Amino acid sequence: MAQTGQSELIHSPEVRAARSLIRWTADELAAASVLSVATIRRAELKESETALTAANDLAIRRALETAGVEFIDENGGGPGVRLRKQHKKRT
């Protein structure tokens, strides 16, 4: 689930973890996703899938992916997030 356009919905713990990885506040994620802070906070409240609309789910996913977050498939261990590996620039 590492690329945008998947049918799998974001889970609340993924949003919280992703935000923590990139050290964003709820306000920063709201600005990057063009959603309200209240929508971000509601998305983070549950312990499983969020109650987001498909459009809001996609907006959050795209904002986080643009910031360097990768969403990881469940693969039997549960869904998760990680930072995209940074490619070193050649000099």
N, C-alpha and C. Protein backbone atom coordinates (compact mmCIF):
# COMPACT_ATOMS: atom_id res chain seq x y z
N MET A 1 0.83 -1.18 0.00
CA MET A 1 0.00 0.00 0.00
C MET A 1 0.87 1.24 0.00
N ALA A 2 1.93 1.24 -0.69
CA ALA A 2 2.89 2.33 -0.65
C ALA A 2 2.58 3.47 -1.61
N GLN A 3 1.61 3.35 -2.45
CA GLN A 3 1.33 4.40 -3.41
C GLN A 3 -0.11 4.86 -3.31
N THR A 4 -0.34 6.12 -3.63
CA THR A 4 -1.67 6.69 -3.65
C THR A 4 -2.53 6.00 -4.71
N GLY A 5 -3.83 5.94 -4.43
CA GLY A 5 -4.73 5.35 -5.40
C GLY A 5 -5.20 3.98 -4.97
N GLN A 6 -4.89 3.59 -3.75
CA GLN A 6 -5.33 2.30 -3.27
C GLN A 6 -6.75 2.41 -2.78
N SER A 7 -7.39 1.27 -2.65
CA SER A 7 -8.76 1.27 -2.17
C SER A 7 -8.81 1.13 -0.66
N GLU A 8 -7.70 0.77 -0.03
CA GLU A 8 -7.63 0.60 1.41
C GLU A 8 -7.73 1.95 2.11
N LEU A 9 -8.58 2.03 3.12
CA LEU A 9 -8.74 3.28 3.85
C LEU A 9 -7.67 3.43 4.92
N ILE A 10 -7.36 4.66 5.24
CA ILE A 10 -6.40 4.97 6.30
C ILE A 10 -7.03 4.60 7.65
N HIS A 11 -6.19 4.11 8.56
CA HIS A 11 -6.61 3.84 9.92
C HIS A 11 -6.12 4.99 10.81
N SER A 12 -6.88 5.27 11.86
CA SER A 12 -6.52 6.36 12.77
C SER A 12 -5.09 6.26 13.31
N PRO A 13 -4.65 5.07 13.76
CA PRO A 13 -3.27 4.99 14.24
C PRO A 13 -2.23 5.32 13.17
N GLU A 14 -2.55 5.05 11.91
CA GLU A 14 -1.62 5.39 10.83
C GLU A 14 -1.48 6.91 10.70
N VAL A 15 -2.58 7.62 10.82
CA VAL A 15 -2.54 9.08 10.71
C VAL A 15 -1.71 9.64 11.87
N ARG A 16 -1.97 9.15 13.08
CA ARG A 16 -1.22 9.63 14.25
C ARG A 16 0.27 9.33 14.11
N ALA A 17 0.59 8.11 13.69
CA ALA A 17 1.99 7.70 13.55
C ALA A 17 2.69 8.48 12.44
N ALA A 18 2.01 8.65 11.33
CA ALA A 18 2.61 9.38 10.20
C ALA A 18 2.90 10.82 10.59
N ARG A 19 1.97 11.43 11.27
CA ARG A 19 2.16 12.81 11.69
C ARG A 19 3.35 12.92 12.65
N SER A 20 3.47 11.94 13.52
CA SER A 20 4.58 11.92 14.46
C SER A 20 5.92 11.74 13.74
N LEU A 21 5.95 10.85 12.74
CA LEU A 21 7.20 10.60 12.00
C LEU A 21 7.75 11.85 11.33
N ILE A 22 6.86 12.66 10.80
CA ILE A 22 7.31 13.86 10.10
C ILE A 22 7.23 15.10 10.98
N ARG A 23 6.86 14.90 12.23
CA ARG A 23 6.81 15.96 13.24
C ARG A 23 5.90 17.11 12.83
N TRP A 24 4.73 16.75 12.34
CA TRP A 24 3.73 17.74 11.98
C TRP A 24 2.69 17.85 13.09
N THR A 25 2.19 19.04 13.28
CA THR A 25 1.05 19.24 14.16
C THR A 25 -0.23 18.93 13.36
N ALA A 26 -1.33 18.84 14.07
CA ALA A 26 -2.61 18.66 13.38
C ALA A 26 -2.89 19.85 12.47
N ASP A 27 -2.48 21.03 12.90
CA ASP A 27 -2.66 22.24 12.08
C ASP A 27 -1.88 22.14 10.77
N GLU A 28 -0.66 21.61 10.83
CA GLU A 28 0.16 21.48 9.62
C GLU A 28 -0.42 20.46 8.66
N LEU A 29 -0.92 19.34 9.20
CA LEU A 29 -1.56 18.34 8.32
C LEU A 29 -2.84 18.91 7.73
N ALA A 30 -3.58 19.64 8.52
CA ALA A 30 -4.81 20.26 8.01
C ALA A 30 -4.49 21.21 6.85
N ALA A 31 -3.46 22.02 7.01
CA ALA A 31 -3.07 22.96 5.95
C ALA A 31 -2.61 22.21 4.70
N ALA A 32 -1.79 21.18 4.88
CA ALA A 32 -1.25 20.44 3.74
C ALA A 32 -2.33 19.66 3.00
N SER A 33 -3.36 19.23 3.71
CA SER A 33 -4.42 18.44 3.09
C SER A 33 -5.63 19.29 2.72
N VAL A 34 -5.59 20.56 3.04
CA VAL A 34 -6.67 21.51 2.80
C VAL A 34 -7.97 21.02 3.46
N LEU A 35 -7.82 20.57 4.70
CA LEU A 35 -8.96 20.14 5.52
C LEU A 35 -8.94 20.92 6.82
N SER A 36 -10.01 20.84 7.58
CA SER A 36 -10.03 21.54 8.87
C SER A 36 -9.28 20.74 9.93
N VAL A 37 -8.82 21.43 10.95
CA VAL A 37 -8.15 20.77 12.07
C VAL A 37 -9.13 19.83 12.75
N ALA A 38 -10.39 20.21 12.82
CA ALA A 38 -11.40 19.34 13.43
C ALA A 38 -11.52 18.02 12.68
N THR A 39 -11.41 18.05 11.35
CA THR A 39 -11.46 16.82 10.55
C THR A 39 -10.25 15.95 10.85
N ILE A 40 -9.08 16.55 10.98
CA ILE A 40 -7.87 15.78 11.31
C ILE A 40 -8.02 15.16 12.69
N ARG A 41 -8.48 15.91 13.65
CA ARG A 41 -8.63 15.38 15.01
C ARG A 41 -9.65 14.24 15.07
N ARG A 42 -10.76 14.38 14.33
CA ARG A 42 -11.75 13.29 14.28
C ARG A 42 -11.15 12.05 13.63
N ALA A 43 -10.32 12.25 12.63
CA ALA A 43 -9.69 11.12 11.93
C ALA A 43 -8.75 10.35 12.85
N GLU A 44 -8.20 11.03 13.84
CA GLU A 44 -7.23 10.40 14.74
C GLU A 44 -7.86 9.79 15.99
N LEU A 45 -9.14 9.98 16.21
CA LEU A 45 -9.78 9.54 17.45
C LEU A 45 -9.98 8.04 17.59
N LYS A 46 -10.33 7.37 16.52
CA LYS A 46 -10.69 5.96 16.60
C LYS A 46 -9.46 5.07 16.71
N GLU A 47 -9.68 3.81 16.99
CA GLU A 47 -8.58 2.85 17.08
C GLU A 47 -8.46 1.98 15.83
N SER A 48 -9.32 2.21 14.85
CA SER A 48 -9.21 1.45 13.60
C SER A 48 -9.46 2.41 12.44
N GLU A 49 -10.33 2.02 11.51
CA GLU A 49 -10.61 2.88 10.36
C GLU A 49 -11.23 4.19 10.79
N THR A 50 -10.90 5.23 10.06
CA THR A 50 -11.48 6.54 10.34
C THR A 50 -12.89 6.59 9.79
N ALA A 51 -13.60 7.65 10.11
CA ALA A 51 -14.93 7.87 9.56
C ALA A 51 -14.87 8.93 8.47
N LEU A 52 -13.72 9.05 7.81
CA LEU A 52 -13.52 10.06 6.78
C LEU A 52 -14.27 9.71 5.50
N THR A 53 -14.64 10.75 4.77
CA THR A 53 -15.15 10.52 3.42
C THR A 53 -13.97 10.05 2.57
N ALA A 54 -14.25 9.46 1.45
CA ALA A 54 -13.19 8.99 0.55
C ALA A 54 -12.31 10.16 0.10
N ALA A 55 -12.90 11.31 -0.16
CA ALA A 55 -12.14 12.48 -0.60
C ALA A 55 -11.20 12.98 0.50
N ASN A 56 -11.69 13.03 1.74
CA ASN A 56 -10.85 13.49 2.85
C ASN A 56 -9.75 12.48 3.16
N ASP A 57 -10.07 11.20 3.07
CA ASP A 57 -9.08 10.14 3.27
C ASP A 57 -7.95 10.31 2.26
N LEU A 58 -8.31 10.52 1.01
CA LEU A 58 -7.31 10.69 -0.05
C LEU A 58 -6.49 11.96 0.14
N ALA A 59 -7.13 13.04 0.58
CA ALA A 59 -6.41 14.29 0.81
C ALA A 59 -5.36 14.13 1.90
N ILE A 60 -5.70 13.43 2.97
CA ILE A 60 -4.74 13.19 4.05
C ILE A 60 -3.62 12.29 3.57
N ARG A 61 -3.98 11.21 2.88
CA ARG A 61 -2.98 10.27 2.37
C ARG A 61 -1.99 10.99 1.45
N ARG A 62 -2.49 11.78 0.52
CA ARG A 62 -1.62 12.49 -0.43
C ARG A 62 -0.71 13.49 0.27
N ALA A 63 -1.24 14.21 1.25
CA ALA A 63 -0.42 15.18 1.98
C ALA A 63 0.71 14.48 2.72
N LEU A 64 0.40 13.36 3.37
CA LEU A 64 1.41 12.62 4.12
C LEU A 64 2.44 11.98 3.18
N GLU A 65 1.97 11.43 2.06
CA GLU A 65 2.90 10.83 1.11
C GLU A 65 3.82 11.88 0.50
N THR A 66 3.30 13.04 0.20
CA THR A 66 4.11 14.13 -0.34
C THR A 66 5.18 14.55 0.65
N ALA A 67 4.87 14.43 1.94
CA ALA A 67 5.83 14.79 2.99
C ALA A 67 6.84 13.68 3.27
N GLY A 68 6.70 12.53 2.59
CA GLY A 68 7.69 11.47 2.74
C GLY A 68 7.24 10.22 3.47
N VAL A 69 5.96 10.11 3.77
CA VAL A 69 5.43 8.94 4.47
C VAL A 69 5.03 7.87 3.45
N GLU A 70 5.32 6.62 3.77
CA GLU A 70 4.84 5.48 2.99
C GLU A 70 3.86 4.69 3.84
N PHE A 71 2.76 4.30 3.24
CA PHE A 71 1.80 3.45 3.92
C PHE A 71 2.16 2.00 3.60
N ILE A 72 2.15 1.16 4.62
CA ILE A 72 2.59 -0.22 4.49
C ILE A 72 1.38 -1.15 4.57
N ASP A 73 1.35 -2.15 3.68
CA ASP A 73 0.29 -3.16 3.70
C ASP A 73 0.24 -3.88 5.02
N GLU A 74 -0.91 -4.45 5.31
CA GLU A 74 -1.08 -5.19 6.56
C GLU A 74 -0.14 -6.39 6.63
N ASN A 75 -0.04 -7.17 5.58
CA ASN A 75 0.86 -8.33 5.55
C ASN A 75 0.78 -9.20 6.79
N GLY A 76 -0.38 -9.32 7.37
CA GLY A 76 -0.56 -10.17 8.53
C GLY A 76 -0.17 -9.53 9.85
N GLY A 77 0.53 -8.41 9.82
CA GLY A 77 0.98 -7.77 11.05
C GLY A 77 0.27 -6.47 11.35
N GLY A 78 -0.66 -6.09 10.54
CA GLY A 78 -1.36 -4.83 10.72
C GLY A 78 -0.79 -3.75 9.82
N PRO A 79 -1.61 -2.80 9.40
CA PRO A 79 -1.14 -1.72 8.55
C PRO A 79 -0.20 -0.82 9.32
N GLY A 80 0.62 -0.07 8.60
CA GLY A 80 1.56 0.82 9.26
C GLY A 80 2.07 1.89 8.34
N VAL A 81 3.02 2.67 8.84
CA VAL A 81 3.64 3.74 8.08
C VAL A 81 5.14 3.74 8.36
N ARG A 82 5.88 4.32 7.42
CA ARG A 82 7.32 4.51 7.60
C ARG A 82 7.72 5.69 6.73
N LEU A 83 8.92 6.18 6.98
CA LEU A 83 9.45 7.25 6.14
C LEU A 83 10.04 6.65 4.88
N ARG A 84 9.81 7.32 3.77
CA ARG A 84 10.39 6.90 2.50
C ARG A 84 11.91 7.06 2.60
N LYS A 85 12.61 6.10 2.07
CA LYS A 85 14.07 6.14 2.10
C LYS A 85 14.54 7.32 1.28
N GLN A 86 15.43 8.10 1.86
CA GLN A 86 15.99 9.26 1.17
C GLN A 86 17.10 8.81 0.25
N HIS A 87 17.05 9.26 -0.98
CA HIS A 87 18.11 8.94 -1.93
C HIS A 87 19.19 10.00 -1.81
N LYS A 88 20.41 9.54 -1.68
CA LYS A 88 21.54 10.47 -1.56
C LYS A 88 21.83 11.08 -2.93
N LYS A 89 22.09 12.38 -2.90
CA LYS A 89 22.45 13.07 -4.13
C LYS A 89 23.89 12.78 -4.48
N ARG A 90 24.13 12.55 -5.74
CA ARG A 90 25.50 12.33 -6.21
C ARG A 90 26.15 13.68 -6.46
N THR A 91 27.41 13.77 -6.09
CA THR A 91 28.11 15.04 -6.30
C THR A 91 29.17 14.90 -7.36
